[in-house]
Amino acid sequence: MSLVGIIGAMEEEVSKLKEQMIDVSVKEKAGMEFFRGTLSGKPVVVVRSGIGKVNAGICTQILVDDYHIDYVINTGIAGSLKSVIDIGDIVVSTDTLQHDVDAIGFGYPLGQIPRMDTLSFPADQRLVELAQEVCREVNPEIHVYAGRVVSGDQFISDKGVKQRIIDNFGGYCTEMEGAAIAQAAYLNRVPYVVLRAISDKADDSATVDYPTFERQAIRHCVNLVLNMVKRL
């Protein structure tokens, strides 16, 4: 049976999943606690990576090296980059990239890591399709979108910064971990998908919206992950 690694950056994003696990064992590594057990009848490892790309990349590599995961799902919250994507809606990654990488002085496109063979990291098509199908079933009150997720070590709360990201990369939402998880998954040839519930509009209202809608956004992600795992 396939083993699914589930990563959330914050405790709030994984605590509800941990509460529903059975037969749990916990190991600590690199300051992270890895909860291995059964969720929705399937073997999983659930872990809080901590915030930011470095934490997320380290976490993913541990899942690959120590647990030999077959899939990785990154769940969490993000800021919307499209006006049609409202707070509470979910974005499923088709691909991810790092918006704060800049090596244009060496002739690389903005966002591309030097000496890597790709600008963005494609998500697994099966996982993308499954996530959309399941989300429509379990979260019928919201919309689900499939599109690019962009990541950087920044909480985007400025209209000008938001517009610059949109102009350079497109993207459906912005957050701080997904592309690092995707990069580690890509290098290790592990299928991945990033799931992001929208908590704010990534503009001047973000610091107001985020605390208000964080809990609602996380609930939608938890519903999605619980029911996705059943089908893997």
C-alpha atoms as a PDB file:
ATOM      1  CA  MET A   1       0.000   0.000   0.000  1.00  0.00           C
ATOM      2  CA  SER A   2       1.298   3.448  -0.897  1.00  0.00           C
ATOM      3  CA  LEU A   3       2.664   5.698   1.848  1.00  0.00           C
ATOM      4  CA  VAL A   4       1.553   9.341   1.666  1.00  0.00           C
ATOM      5  CA  GLY A   5       3.603  12.178   3.136  1.00  0.00           C
ATOM      6  CA  ILE A   6       1.484  15.148   4.214  1.00  0.00           C
ATOM      7  CA  ILE A   7       3.238  18.426   4.978  1.00  0.00           C
ATOM      8  CA  GLY A   8       1.795  21.567   6.535  1.00  0.00           C
ATOM      9  CA  ALA A   9       3.878  24.599   7.407  1.00  0.00           C
ATOM     10  CA  MET A  10       1.998  25.459  10.607  1.00  0.00           C
ATOM     11  CA  GLU A  11       0.613  23.352  13.424  1.00  0.00           C
ATOM     12  CA  GLU A  12      -2.859  24.694  12.667  1.00  0.00           C
ATOM     13  CA  GLU A  13      -2.625  23.129   9.205  1.00  0.00           C
ATOM     14  CA  VAL A  14      -1.885  19.593  10.415  1.00  0.00           C
ATOM     15  CA  SER A  15      -3.345  19.320  13.936  1.00  0.00           C
ATOM     16  CA  LYS A  16      -6.809  18.286  12.708  1.00  0.00           C
ATOM     17  CA  LEU A  17      -5.248  15.558  10.585  1.00  0.00           C
ATOM     18  CA  LYS A  18      -3.166  14.264  13.501  1.00  0.00           C
ATOM     19  CA  GLU A  19      -6.280  14.099  15.682  1.00  0.00           C
ATOM     20  CA  GLN A  20      -7.867  11.629  13.258  1.00  0.00           C
ATOM     21  CA  MET A  21      -4.847   9.336  12.908  1.00  0.00           C
ATOM     22  CA  ILE A  22      -4.620   5.923  14.615  1.00  0.00           C
ATOM     23  CA  ASP A  23      -1.695   3.605  15.420  1.00  0.00           C
ATOM     24  CA  VAL A  24       0.607   6.602  15.606  1.00  0.00           C
ATOM     25  CA  SER A  25       4.341   6.618  16.233  1.00  0.00           C
ATOM     26  CA  VAL A  26       6.338   9.838  16.426  1.00  0.00           C
ATOM     27  CA  LYS A  27       9.961  10.498  15.552  1.00  0.00           C
ATOM     28  CA  GLU A  28      11.787  13.806  15.699  1.00  0.00           C
ATOM     29  CA  LYS A  29      14.386  14.950  13.212  1.00  0.00           C
ATOM     30  CA  ALA A  30      15.717  18.405  12.319  1.00  0.00           C
ATOM     31  CA  GLY A  31      13.372  19.914  14.885  1.00  0.00           C
ATOM     32  CA  MET A  32      10.323  18.379  13.170  1.00  0.00           C
ATOM     33  CA  GLU A  33       7.974  15.709  14.534  1.00  0.00           C
ATOM     34  CA  PHE A  34       6.975  13.045  12.028  1.00  0.00           C
ATOM     35  CA  PHE A  35       3.673  11.349  12.888  1.00  0.00           C
ATOM     36  CA  ARG A  36       3.435   7.974  11.166  1.00  0.00           C
ATOM     37  CA  GLY A  37       0.150   6.098  11.329  1.00  0.00           C
ATOM     38  CA  THR A  38      -3.153   5.507   9.593  1.00  0.00           C
ATOM     39  CA  LEU A  39      -5.475   8.214   8.268  1.00  0.00           C
ATOM     40  CA  SER A  40      -8.709   7.487   6.411  1.00  0.00           C
ATOM     41  CA  GLY A  41      -7.627   3.845   6.350  1.00  0.00           C
ATOM     42  CA  LYS A  42      -4.320   4.555   4.599  1.00  0.00           C
ATOM     43  CA  PRO A  43      -0.707   4.738   5.846  1.00  0.00           C
ATOM     44  CA  VAL A  44       0.552   8.319   6.126  1.00  0.00           C
ATOM     45  CA  VAL A  45       3.279  10.451   7.631  1.00  0.00           C
ATOM     46  CA  VAL A  46       2.024  13.858   8.781  1.00  0.00           C
ATOM     47  CA  VAL A  47       4.489  16.592   9.659  1.00  0.00           C
ATOM     48  CA  ARG A  48       4.687  20.298  10.422  1.00  0.00           C
ATOM     49  CA  SER A  49       7.633  21.569   8.433  1.00  0.00           C
ATOM     50  CA  GLY A  50       7.798  25.086   9.779  1.00  0.00           C
ATOM     51  CA  ILE A  51       7.433  28.191   7.642  1.00  0.00           C
ATOM     52  CA  GLY A  52       9.560  28.997   4.618  1.00  0.00           C
ATOM     53  CA  LYS A  53      11.280  27.273   1.737  1.00  0.00           C
ATOM     54  CA  VAL A  54      14.309  25.910   3.574  1.00  0.00           C
ATOM     55  CA  ASN A  55      12.221  24.199   6.244  1.00  0.00           C
ATOM     56  CA  ALA A  56       9.899  22.802   3.586  1.00  0.00           C
ATOM     57  CA  GLY A  57      12.717  21.423   1.445  1.00  0.00           C
ATOM     58  CA  ILE A  58      14.456  19.768   4.411  1.00  0.00           C
ATOM     59  CA  CYS A  59      11.173  18.229   5.526  1.00  0.00           C
ATOM     60  CA  THR A  60      10.464  16.744   2.113  1.00  0.00           C
ATOM     61  CA  GLN A  61      13.919  15.215   1.832  1.00  0.00           C
ATOM     62  CA  ILE A  62      13.520  13.550   5.242  1.00  0.00           C
ATOM     63  CA  LEU A  63      10.215  12.058   4.100  1.00  0.00           C
ATOM     64  CA  VAL A  64      11.955  10.663   1.029  1.00  0.00           C
ATOM     65  CA  ASP A  65      15.087   9.373   2.767  1.00  0.00           C
ATOM     66  CA  ASP A  66      13.655   8.051   6.034  1.00  0.00           C
ATOM     67  CA  TYR A  67      10.119   7.035   5.059  1.00  0.00           C
ATOM     68  CA  HIS A  68      10.370   6.308   1.314  1.00  0.00           C
ATOM     69  CA  ILE A  69       7.071   8.024   0.637  1.00  0.00           C
ATOM     70  CA  ASP A  70       5.196   7.301  -2.583  1.00  0.00           C
ATOM     71  CA  TYR A  71       3.351  10.649  -2.729  1.00  0.00           C
ATOM     72  CA  VAL A  72       3.690  14.031  -1.078  1.00  0.00           C
ATOM     73  CA  ILE A  73       0.763  16.353  -0.427  1.00  0.00           C
ATOM     74  CA  ASN A  74       1.441  19.876   0.792  1.00  0.00           C
ATOM     75  CA  THR A  75      -1.587  21.413   2.474  1.00  0.00           C
ATOM     76  CA  GLY A  76      -2.012  24.934   3.752  1.00  0.00           C
ATOM     77  CA  ILE A  77      -3.163  28.466   3.088  1.00  0.00           C
ATOM     78  CA  ALA A  78      -2.190  31.142   0.574  1.00  0.00           C
ATOM     79  CA  GLY A  79      -2.934  34.566  -0.820  1.00  0.00           C
ATOM     80  CA  SER A  80      -4.999  34.840  -3.993  1.00  0.00           C
ATOM     81  CA  LEU A  81      -3.430  36.286  -7.143  1.00  0.00           C
ATOM     82  CA  LYS A  82      -6.634  36.298  -9.209  1.00  0.00           C
ATOM     83  CA  SER A  83      -9.713  38.373  -8.530  1.00  0.00           C
ATOM     84  CA  VAL A  84     -12.054  35.452  -9.288  1.00  0.00           C
ATOM     85  CA  ILE A  85     -10.435  33.307  -6.578  1.00  0.00           C
ATOM     86  CA  ASP A  86     -12.138  34.253  -3.330  1.00  0.00           C
ATOM     87  CA  ILE A  87     -11.189  33.755   0.278  1.00  0.00           C
ATOM     88  CA  GLY A  88     -12.029  30.153   1.222  1.00  0.00           C
ATOM     89  CA  ASP A  89     -11.598  28.781  -2.311  1.00  0.00           C
ATOM     90  CA  ILE A  90      -8.951  26.147  -2.996  1.00  0.00           C
ATOM     91  CA  VAL A  91      -6.129  26.176  -5.541  1.00  0.00           C
ATOM     92  CA  VAL A  92      -4.595  22.886  -6.699  1.00  0.00           C
ATOM     93  CA  SER A  93      -1.112  23.267  -8.164  1.00  0.00           C
ATOM     94  CA  THR A  94      -0.541  22.425 -11.807  1.00  0.00           C
ATOM     95  CA  ASP A  95       3.047  23.572 -11.294  1.00  0.00           C
ATOM     96  CA  THR A  96       5.050  25.657  -8.850  1.00  0.00           C
ATOM     97  CA  LEU A  97       7.963  28.071  -9.035  1.00  0.00           C
ATOM     98  CA  GLN A  98       9.955  30.367  -6.752  1.00  0.00           C
ATOM     99  CA  HIS A  99       9.092  34.009  -7.396  1.00  0.00           C
ATOM    100  CA  ASP A 100      12.012  35.311  -5.332  1.00  0.00           C
ATOM    101  CA  VAL A 101      14.771  33.614  -7.367  1.00  0.00           C
ATOM    102  CA  ASP A 102      16.627  36.117  -9.568  1.00  0.00           C
ATOM    103  CA  ALA A 103      19.602  34.988 -11.658  1.00  0.00           C
ATOM    104  CA  ILE A 104      18.837  37.079 -14.734  1.00  0.00           C
ATOM    105  CA  GLY A 105      22.380  38.429 -14.543  1.00  0.00           C
ATOM    106  CA  PHE A 106      23.515  34.962 -15.594  1.00  0.00           C
ATOM    107  CA  GLY A 107      21.003  34.769 -18.426  1.00  0.00           C
ATOM    108  CA  TYR A 108      18.317  32.761 -16.652  1.00  0.00           C
ATOM    109  CA  PRO A 109      14.619  33.660 -16.736  1.00  0.00           C
ATOM    110  CA  LEU A 110      13.332  35.290 -13.574  1.00  0.00           C
ATOM    111  CA  GLY A 111      12.354  32.507 -11.174  1.00  0.00           C
ATOM    112  CA  GLN A 112      14.622  29.806 -12.606  1.00  0.00           C
ATOM    113  CA  ILE A 113      17.222  28.269 -10.329  1.00  0.00           C
ATOM    114  CA  PRO A 114      20.605  28.339 -12.070  1.00  0.00           C
ATOM    115  CA  ARG A 115      21.688  25.071 -13.689  1.00  0.00           C
ATOM    116  CA  MET A 116      18.317  23.428 -13.223  1.00  0.00           C
ATOM    117  CA  ASP A 117      16.607  22.155 -16.351  1.00  0.00           C
ATOM    118  CA  THR A 118      13.210  23.672 -15.605  1.00  0.00           C
ATOM    119  CA  LEU A 119      11.657  26.984 -14.588  1.00  0.00           C
ATOM    120  CA  SER A 120       8.749  25.397 -12.751  1.00  0.00           C
ATOM    121  CA  PHE A 121       8.040  22.013 -11.197  1.00  0.00           C
ATOM    122  CA  PRO A 122       5.019  20.205 -12.671  1.00  0.00           C
ATOM    123  CA  ALA A 123       2.631  18.558 -10.226  1.00  0.00           C
ATOM    124  CA  ASP A 124       1.474  14.991 -10.719  1.00  0.00           C
ATOM    125  CA  GLN A 125      -1.478  15.018 -13.098  1.00  0.00           C
ATOM    126  CA  ARG A 126      -3.303  12.197 -11.342  1.00  0.00           C
ATOM    127  CA  LEU A 127      -3.080  13.981  -8.001  1.00  0.00           C
ATOM    128  CA  VAL A 128      -4.209  17.258  -9.568  1.00  0.00           C
ATOM    129  CA  GLU A 129      -7.286  15.658 -11.103  1.00  0.00           C
ATOM    130  CA  LEU A 130      -8.097  13.698  -7.954  1.00  0.00           C
ATOM    131  CA  ALA A 131      -7.835  16.801  -5.770  1.00  0.00           C
ATOM    132  CA  GLN A 132     -10.242  18.747  -7.975  1.00  0.00           C
ATOM    133  CA  GLU A 133     -12.751  15.901  -8.100  1.00  0.00           C
ATOM    134  CA  VAL A 134     -12.673  15.305  -4.355  1.00  0.00           C
ATOM    135  CA  CYS A 135     -12.828  19.017  -3.502  1.00  0.00           C
ATOM    136  CA  ARG A 136     -16.000  19.489  -5.526  1.00  0.00           C
ATOM    137  CA  GLU A 137     -17.578  16.607  -3.602  1.00  0.00           C
ATOM    138  CA  VAL A 138     -16.532  17.492  -0.039  1.00  0.00           C
ATOM    139  CA  ASN A 139     -16.423  21.300  -0.241  1.00  0.00           C
ATOM    140  CA  PRO A 140     -19.408  22.095  -2.499  1.00  0.00           C
ATOM    141  CA  GLU A 141     -19.830  25.570  -1.028  1.00  0.00           C
ATOM    142  CA  ILE A 142     -16.529  26.820  -2.502  1.00  0.00           C
ATOM    143  CA  HIS A 143     -14.754  26.814  -5.863  1.00  0.00           C
ATOM    144  CA  VAL A 144     -11.646  24.835  -6.735  1.00  0.00           C
ATOM    145  CA  TYR A 145      -9.101  26.031  -9.301  1.00  0.00           C
ATOM    146  CA  ALA A 146      -6.108  24.287 -10.862  1.00  0.00           C
ATOM    147  CA  GLY A 147      -3.179  26.555 -11.682  1.00  0.00           C
ATOM    148  CA  ARG A 148       0.318  27.720 -10.871  1.00  0.00           C
ATOM    149  CA  VAL A 149       1.351  28.219  -7.250  1.00  0.00           C
ATOM    150  CA  VAL A 150       4.239  30.643  -6.665  1.00  0.00           C
ATOM    151  CA  SER A 151       6.388  30.576  -3.543  1.00  0.00           C
ATOM    152  CA  GLY A 152       8.832  32.902  -1.850  1.00  0.00           C
ATOM    153  CA  ASP A 153      10.145  33.711   1.591  1.00  0.00           C
ATOM    154  CA  GLN A 154       7.753  36.633   1.853  1.00  0.00           C
ATOM    155  CA  PHE A 155       4.248  37.178   3.191  1.00  0.00           C
ATOM    156  CA  ILE A 156       2.758  39.224   0.356  1.00  0.00           C
ATOM    157  CA  SER A 157       0.715  42.124   1.736  1.00  0.00           C
ATOM    158  CA  ASP A 158       1.499  44.908  -0.732  1.00  0.00           C
ATOM    159  CA  LYS A 159      -0.426  45.590  -3.945  1.00  0.00           C
ATOM    160  CA  GLY A 160       2.698  46.588  -5.836  1.00  0.00           C
ATOM    161  CA  VAL A 161       4.577  43.409  -4.925  1.00  0.00           C
ATOM    162  CA  LYS A 162       1.510  41.348  -5.759  1.00  0.00           C
ATOM    163  CA  GLN A 163       1.201  42.964  -9.187  1.00  0.00           C
ATOM    164  CA  ARG A 164       4.883  42.400  -9.926  1.00  0.00           C
ATOM    165  CA  ILE A 165       4.487  38.686  -9.174  1.00  0.00           C
ATOM    166  CA  ILE A 166       1.421  38.492 -11.408  1.00  0.00           C
ATOM    167  CA  ASP A 167       3.164  40.329 -14.248  1.00  0.00           C
ATOM    168  CA  ASN A 168       6.228  38.077 -14.122  1.00  0.00           C
ATOM    169  CA  PHE A 169       4.739  34.687 -13.359  1.00  0.00           C
ATOM    170  CA  GLY A 170       0.981  34.645 -13.640  1.00  0.00           C
ATOM    171  CA  GLY A 171       0.023  32.290 -10.877  1.00  0.00           C
ATOM    172  CA  TYR A 172      -3.159  31.592  -8.996  1.00  0.00           C
ATOM    173  CA  CYS A 173      -1.877  32.050  -5.453  1.00  0.00           C
ATOM    174  CA  THR A 174       1.263  32.882  -3.507  1.00  0.00           C
ATOM    175  CA  GLU A 175       2.688  31.299  -0.368  1.00  0.00           C
ATOM    176  CA  MET A 176       5.989  30.325   1.268  1.00  0.00           C
ATOM    177  CA  GLU A 177       6.659  26.573   0.940  1.00  0.00           C
ATOM    178  CA  GLY A 178       5.087  24.814  -2.049  1.00  0.00           C
ATOM    179  CA  ALA A 179       7.817  25.305  -4.648  1.00  0.00           C
ATOM    180  CA  ALA A 180      10.517  24.054  -2.274  1.00  0.00           C
ATOM    181  CA  ILE A 181       8.526  20.890  -1.595  1.00  0.00           C
ATOM    182  CA  ALA A 182       7.951  20.585  -5.331  1.00  0.00           C
ATOM    183  CA  GLN A 183      11.657  20.986  -6.084  1.00  0.00           C
ATOM    184  CA  ALA A 184      12.601  18.228  -3.633  1.00  0.00           C
ATOM    185  CA  ALA A 185       9.862  15.989  -5.020  1.00  0.00           C
ATOM    186  CA  TYR A 186      10.999  16.694  -8.589  1.00  0.00           C
ATOM    187  CA  LEU A 187      14.623  15.847  -7.841  1.00  0.00           C
ATOM    188  CA  ASN A 188      13.594  12.618  -6.107  1.00  0.00           C
ATOM    189  CA  ARG A 189      10.963  11.710  -8.726  1.00  0.00           C
ATOM    190  CA  VAL A 190       8.166  11.575  -6.160  1.00  0.00           C
ATOM    191  CA  PRO A 191       4.668  12.605  -7.324  1.00  0.00           C
ATOM    192  CA  TYR A 192       3.453  15.715  -5.517  1.00  0.00           C
ATOM    193  CA  VAL A 193       0.635  18.213  -5.353  1.00  0.00           C
ATOM    194  CA  VAL A 194       0.204  21.479  -3.454  1.00  0.00           C
ATOM    195  CA  LEU A 195      -3.231  22.295  -2.039  1.00  0.00           C
ATOM    196  CA  ARG A 196      -3.867  25.866  -0.954  1.00  0.00           C
ATOM    197  CA  ALA A 197      -6.985  27.326   0.633  1.00  0.00           C
ATOM    198  CA  ILE A 198      -7.175  31.082   0.157  1.00  0.00           C
ATOM    199  CA  SER A 199      -6.928  33.059   3.401  1.00  0.00           C
ATOM    200  CA  ASP A 200      -6.346  36.545   1.983  1.00  0.00           C
ATOM    201  CA  LYS A 201      -5.987  38.569  -1.205  1.00  0.00           C
ATOM    202  CA  ALA A 202      -2.204  39.106  -0.924  1.00  0.00           C
ATOM    203  CA  ASP A 203      -2.625  42.880  -0.938  1.00  0.00           C
ATOM    204  CA  ASP A 204      -3.028  45.720   1.543  1.00  0.00           C
ATOM    205  CA  SER A 205      -5.981  43.903   3.150  1.00  0.00           C
ATOM    206  CA  ALA A 206      -3.970  40.722   3.779  1.00  0.00           C
ATOM    207  CA  THR A 207      -3.009  41.473   7.373  1.00  0.00           C
ATOM    208  CA  VAL A 208      -6.692  42.043   8.193  1.00  0.00           C
ATOM    209  CA  ASP A 209      -8.128  39.131   6.196  1.00  0.00           C
ATOM    210  CA  TYR A 210      -5.635  36.486   7.268  1.00  0.00           C
ATOM    211  CA  PRO A 211      -6.544  36.083  10.965  1.00  0.00           C
ATOM    212  CA  THR A 212     -10.255  36.192  10.188  1.00  0.00           C
ATOM    213  CA  PHE A 213     -10.320  33.554   7.479  1.00  0.00           C
ATOM    214  CA  GLU A 214      -7.418  31.278   8.439  1.00  0.00           C
ATOM    215  CA  ARG A 215      -9.613  28.792  10.328  1.00  0.00           C
ATOM    216  CA  GLN A 216     -12.187  28.577   7.543  1.00  0.00           C
ATOM    217  CA  ALA A 217      -9.501  28.030   4.918  1.00  0.00           C
ATOM    218  CA  ILE A 218      -7.799  25.290   6.931  1.00  0.00           C
ATOM    219  CA  ARG A 219     -11.107  23.460   7.412  1.00  0.00           C
ATOM    220  CA  HIS A 220     -11.590  23.210   3.662  1.00  0.00           C
ATOM    221  CA  CYS A 221      -8.067  21.854   3.191  1.00  0.00           C
ATOM    222  CA  VAL A 222      -8.541  19.267   5.930  1.00  0.00           C
ATOM    223  CA  ASN A 223     -11.760  18.025   4.327  1.00  0.00           C
ATOM    224  CA  LEU A 224      -9.962  17.700   1.016  1.00  0.00           C
ATOM    225  CA  VAL A 225      -6.892  15.890   2.343  1.00  0.00           C
ATOM    226  CA  LEU A 226      -8.888  13.396   4.424  1.00  0.00           C
ATOM    227  CA  ASN A 227     -10.918  12.356   1.433  1.00  0.00           C
ATOM    228  CA  MET A 228      -8.048  12.404  -1.056  1.00  0.00           C
ATOM    229  CA  VAL A 229      -6.032   9.989   1.062  1.00  0.00           C
ATOM    230  CA  LYS A 230      -8.905   7.482   0.982  1.00  0.00           C
ATOM    231  CA  ARG A 231      -8.491   7.186  -2.794  1.00  0.00           C
ATOM    232  CA  LEU A 232      -4.727   6.827  -2.993  1.00  0.00           C
END
